[in-house]
Protein backbone atom coordinates (compact mmCIF):
# COMPACT_ATOMS: atom_id res chain seq x y z
CA MET A 1 -26.08 -36.02 -74.60
CA VAL A 2 -27.71 -39.20 -73.30
CA PRO A 3 -30.80 -39.10 -71.47
CA ALA A 4 -29.99 -39.09 -67.49
CA LEU A 5 -30.84 -42.51 -65.83
CA ARG A 6 -32.64 -40.28 -63.19
CA PRO A 7 -34.11 -37.10 -63.17
CA SER A 8 -32.32 -34.48 -61.67
CA ILE A 9 -33.23 -30.69 -60.45
CA PHE A 10 -30.50 -28.14 -60.84
CA VAL A 11 -30.38 -25.27 -58.32
CA HIS A 12 -28.53 -22.60 -60.63
CA ILE A 13 -26.62 -20.12 -58.27
CA GLN A 14 -25.61 -17.25 -60.85
CA LYS A 15 -22.15 -17.07 -61.83
CA THR A 16 -20.78 -20.28 -60.58
CA GLY A 17 -20.81 -21.74 -63.84
CA GLY A 18 -24.62 -23.23 -64.26
CA THR A 19 -24.47 -21.69 -67.83
CA ALA A 20 -22.06 -24.25 -68.81
CA VAL A 21 -23.58 -27.05 -66.50
CA ARG A 22 -26.84 -26.17 -68.81
CA SER A 23 -25.67 -26.29 -71.62
CA ALA A 24 -23.71 -29.57 -71.01
CA LEU A 25 -26.46 -31.32 -70.01
CA GLY A 26 -29.00 -30.34 -72.69
CA MET A 27 -30.63 -28.46 -70.11
CA GLU A 28 -32.49 -24.93 -71.51
CA ILE A 29 -30.22 -21.89 -70.91
CA TYR A 30 -32.99 -19.58 -70.45
CA ALA A 31 -35.30 -21.85 -68.22
CA GLU A 32 -38.00 -20.52 -66.22
CA ARG A 33 -37.45 -20.84 -62.48
CA LYS A 34 -33.72 -20.55 -63.42
CA HIS A 35 -32.48 -19.01 -60.43
CA PHE A 36 -35.11 -20.16 -58.22
CA LEU A 37 -34.09 -21.38 -54.26
CA ALA A 38 -33.98 -24.94 -54.08
CA ARG A 39 -36.70 -25.04 -50.87
CA ASP A 40 -39.02 -22.81 -53.48
CA LEU A 41 -37.70 -25.55 -56.24
CA ARG A 42 -39.30 -28.13 -53.93
CA ASP A 43 -42.27 -26.40 -53.66
CA VAL A 44 -42.50 -26.29 -57.90
CA TYR A 45 -41.88 -29.61 -58.46
CA GLY A 46 -43.49 -31.89 -55.74
CA LYS A 47 -42.90 -33.78 -52.95
CA ALA A 48 -42.42 -37.36 -54.75
CA ALA A 49 -40.53 -35.59 -58.05
CA TRP A 50 -38.34 -33.88 -55.50
CA GLU A 51 -37.54 -36.91 -53.40
CA SER A 52 -36.81 -38.93 -56.45
CA SER A 53 -34.63 -36.56 -58.26
CA PHE A 54 -30.92 -35.78 -57.79
CA LYS A 55 -30.25 -32.49 -56.88
CA PHE A 56 -27.38 -30.32 -57.36
CA SER A 57 -25.62 -27.23 -57.42
CA PHE A 58 -22.11 -25.29 -57.53
CA VAL A 59 -20.93 -22.30 -55.64
CA ARG A 60 -18.12 -20.06 -56.34
CA ASN A 61 -15.60 -17.79 -54.05
CA PRO A 62 -17.97 -15.36 -52.64
CA TRP A 63 -15.27 -12.10 -53.62
CA ASP A 64 -14.20 -13.97 -57.52
CA ARG A 65 -18.21 -14.27 -57.91
CA LEU A 66 -19.09 -10.53 -57.12
CA VAL A 67 -16.52 -9.46 -59.73
CA SER A 68 -18.04 -12.02 -61.92
CA TRP A 69 -20.89 -10.66 -60.91
CA TRP A 70 -20.48 -6.72 -62.18
CA SER A 71 -18.15 -7.41 -64.94
CA MET A 72 -20.91 -9.50 -66.51
CA ILE A 73 -22.86 -6.51 -66.00
CA ASP A 74 -20.25 -3.79 -66.60
CA ASN A 75 -18.47 -5.13 -70.04
CA HIS A 76 -21.68 -5.05 -71.95
CA ARG A 77 -23.03 -1.77 -70.38
CA HIS A 78 -22.75 0.06 -74.00
CA ALA A 79 -22.69 -3.44 -76.32
CA SER A 80 -26.03 -2.87 -77.05
CA THR A 81 -28.54 0.20 -79.19
CA ALA A 82 -30.90 0.25 -76.51
CA ALA A 83 -29.94 1.63 -73.17
CA ASN A 84 -32.85 0.06 -71.11
CA SER A 85 -31.37 -3.38 -72.58
CA GLY A 86 -31.27 -6.32 -70.07
CA ASN A 87 -32.99 -7.83 -67.30
CA GLU A 88 -34.80 -5.70 -64.53
CA PHE A 89 -31.55 -6.49 -62.28
CA THR A 90 -28.96 -5.68 -64.67
CA ARG A 91 -30.95 -2.31 -66.03
CA TYR A 92 -30.76 -1.53 -61.71
CA VAL A 93 -26.97 -1.93 -61.44
CA ARG A 94 -26.14 -0.27 -64.46
CA GLN A 95 -28.30 2.81 -63.36
CA ARG A 96 -27.34 2.71 -60.03
CA ALA A 97 -22.98 1.68 -60.47
CA GLN A 98 -20.28 2.90 -62.14
CA SER A 99 -17.27 1.11 -60.33
CA PHE A 100 -17.16 -1.87 -58.27
CA GLU A 101 -17.43 -0.13 -55.45
CA GLU A 102 -20.26 1.54 -56.47
CA PHE A 103 -21.92 -2.27 -57.09
CA LEU A 104 -20.86 -3.09 -53.64
CA THR A 105 -22.35 0.21 -51.66
CA ARG A 106 -25.45 0.93 -53.93
CA CYS A 107 -26.98 -2.10 -55.30
CA THR A 108 -28.01 -3.90 -52.16
CA ASP A 109 -31.59 -4.00 -52.54
CA GLU A 110 -33.60 -7.38 -53.87
CA ILE A 111 -34.77 -7.60 -57.27
CA VAL A 112 -37.22 -9.57 -58.01
CA GLU A 113 -38.03 -11.36 -61.41
CA THR A 114 -39.77 -14.27 -63.43
CA ASP A 115 -36.36 -16.57 -63.17
CA GLY A 116 -35.88 -15.77 -59.34
CA ARG A 117 -35.29 -13.15 -56.43
CA LYS A 118 -31.36 -11.40 -57.01
CA HIS A 119 -29.51 -10.20 -54.41
CA ILE A 120 -25.62 -9.86 -54.73
CA PHE A 121 -25.77 -10.10 -50.91
CA ARG A 122 -27.33 -12.97 -50.49
CA ASP A 123 -25.27 -16.19 -49.15
CA GLN A 124 -25.30 -18.74 -51.62
CA ILE A 125 -25.80 -21.82 -48.92
CA ASP A 126 -29.65 -20.01 -48.93
CA TYR A 127 -30.16 -21.37 -52.47
CA LEU A 128 -29.53 -24.45 -50.73
CA VAL A 129 -31.50 -25.12 -47.40
CA ASP A 130 -34.66 -25.36 -46.29
CA ASP A 131 -36.01 -22.90 -43.75
CA LYS A 132 -34.74 -24.51 -40.92
CA GLY A 133 -30.85 -24.01 -42.40
CA LYS A 134 -31.39 -28.07 -43.64
CA LEU A 135 -29.24 -28.67 -46.12
CA ILE A 136 -32.06 -30.26 -48.70
CA VAL A 137 -29.35 -30.62 -51.77
CA ASP A 138 -27.81 -33.86 -53.07
CA PHE A 139 -24.41 -32.66 -53.93
CA VAL A 140 -22.44 -28.98 -54.00
CA GLY A 141 -19.87 -28.75 -56.60
CA ARG A 142 -17.61 -25.65 -56.80
CA PHE A 143 -16.74 -23.59 -59.41
CA GLU A 144 -13.10 -23.94 -58.67
CA ARG A 145 -13.24 -27.21 -59.82
CA LEU A 146 -15.66 -27.63 -61.88
CA GLN A 147 -15.16 -29.62 -64.44
CA GLU A 148 -13.72 -32.35 -61.90
CA ASP A 149 -16.90 -31.78 -59.59
CA PHE A 150 -19.12 -31.81 -63.50
CA ASP A 151 -17.50 -35.52 -64.01
CA GLN A 152 -19.55 -36.48 -60.52
CA VAL A 153 -22.61 -35.10 -61.45
CA THR A 154 -22.83 -37.23 -65.14
CA ALA A 155 -21.44 -40.07 -63.14
CA ARG A 156 -24.64 -39.50 -60.38
CA LEU A 157 -27.26 -39.28 -63.33
CA GLY A 158 -25.78 -41.68 -65.36
CA VAL A 159 -24.71 -40.27 -68.25
CA PRO A 160 -21.50 -39.44 -69.76
CA SER A 161 -19.28 -37.20 -68.86
CA ALA A 162 -18.16 -34.04 -71.70
CA THR A 163 -16.28 -31.07 -71.68
CA LEU A 164 -17.93 -28.16 -70.47
CA PRO A 165 -18.17 -24.90 -72.85
CA ARG A 166 -16.87 -21.58 -72.20
CA VAL A 167 -20.52 -19.95 -72.27
CA ASN A 168 -21.33 -16.52 -70.29
CA SER A 169 -18.08 -16.08 -68.74
CA SER A 170 -16.99 -12.60 -67.50
CA GLN A 171 -14.04 -10.87 -68.66
CA HIS A 172 -12.02 -9.33 -65.54
CA ALA A 173 -8.24 -9.21 -64.22
CA ALA A 174 -7.28 -10.96 -60.69
CA TYR A 175 -10.35 -10.74 -58.24
CA THR A 176 -8.69 -9.50 -55.47
CA SER A 177 -7.14 -6.83 -57.57
CA TYR A 178 -10.74 -5.16 -57.33
CA TYR A 179 -11.34 -4.53 -53.20
CA THR A 180 -9.50 -2.54 -51.20
CA PRO A 181 -8.91 -3.89 -48.03
CA ALA A 182 -12.29 -2.34 -46.14
CA MET A 183 -14.08 -3.29 -48.92
CA ALA A 184 -12.74 -6.90 -48.75
CA GLU A 185 -13.39 -7.40 -45.15
CA GLU A 186 -16.85 -5.91 -46.06
CA VAL A 187 -17.62 -8.96 -48.12
CA GLY A 188 -16.26 -11.06 -45.56
CA ARG A 189 -18.44 -9.78 -43.32
CA ARG A 190 -21.51 -10.52 -45.51
CA TYR A 191 -20.86 -13.66 -46.55
CA ALA A 192 -19.43 -14.62 -43.79
CA ARG A 193 -22.15 -17.90 -43.78
CA ASP A 194 -20.76 -19.10 -47.26
CA ILE A 195 -16.94 -18.93 -45.75
CA LEU A 196 -17.95 -20.75 -42.61
CA ALA A 197 -19.77 -23.13 -44.92
CA PHE A 198 -17.46 -23.85 -47.91
CA SER A 199 -14.56 -22.31 -46.53
CA TYR A 200 -13.81 -19.76 -48.49
CA ARG A 201 -11.24 -17.33 -48.23
CA PHE A 202 -10.15 -13.91 -49.51
CA GLY A 203 -7.05 -14.71 -52.28
CA ASP A 204 -8.03 -18.23 -52.46
């Protein structure tokens, strides 16, 4: 990857294709502060660096994102010989949930780790705004058109585009099949701000 013509700051929301983006841009995959909110990253980098950088992120249909998050954890439940393997959030989910429905109903605590705060019902818009709700990133791409929007990122950075690798993806059936009507309604209620901000719908 050719070095970018301008500095960048990536606000990496869980399960939105961020690992593929990091890989394609030559960023560290397991970076410190990987899942920090934009306003927290602004404090870390400082005002001058923040204002001179291209800040970007990606979002995803919340119903689909939750299925992907659950599947990533559940699919590897028995892959390791260590029963307590994985990060704290992964261990928390595995201990409390044996099904997707239990994931939604029993894993609602915020888990604070060194790379960021993890909460399955935190709206993605909260990663991208300041304390007053003002958007503070320059570009928000969508997982549903990941390559197309990634091409816009590379253009803004002044580097050649690249085909995104398939990394850290979760294997699962169509996300709609995981939901009862009541579960879908509850997620819609919990993610009302994302649905309003990004015009997502169940079944998209």
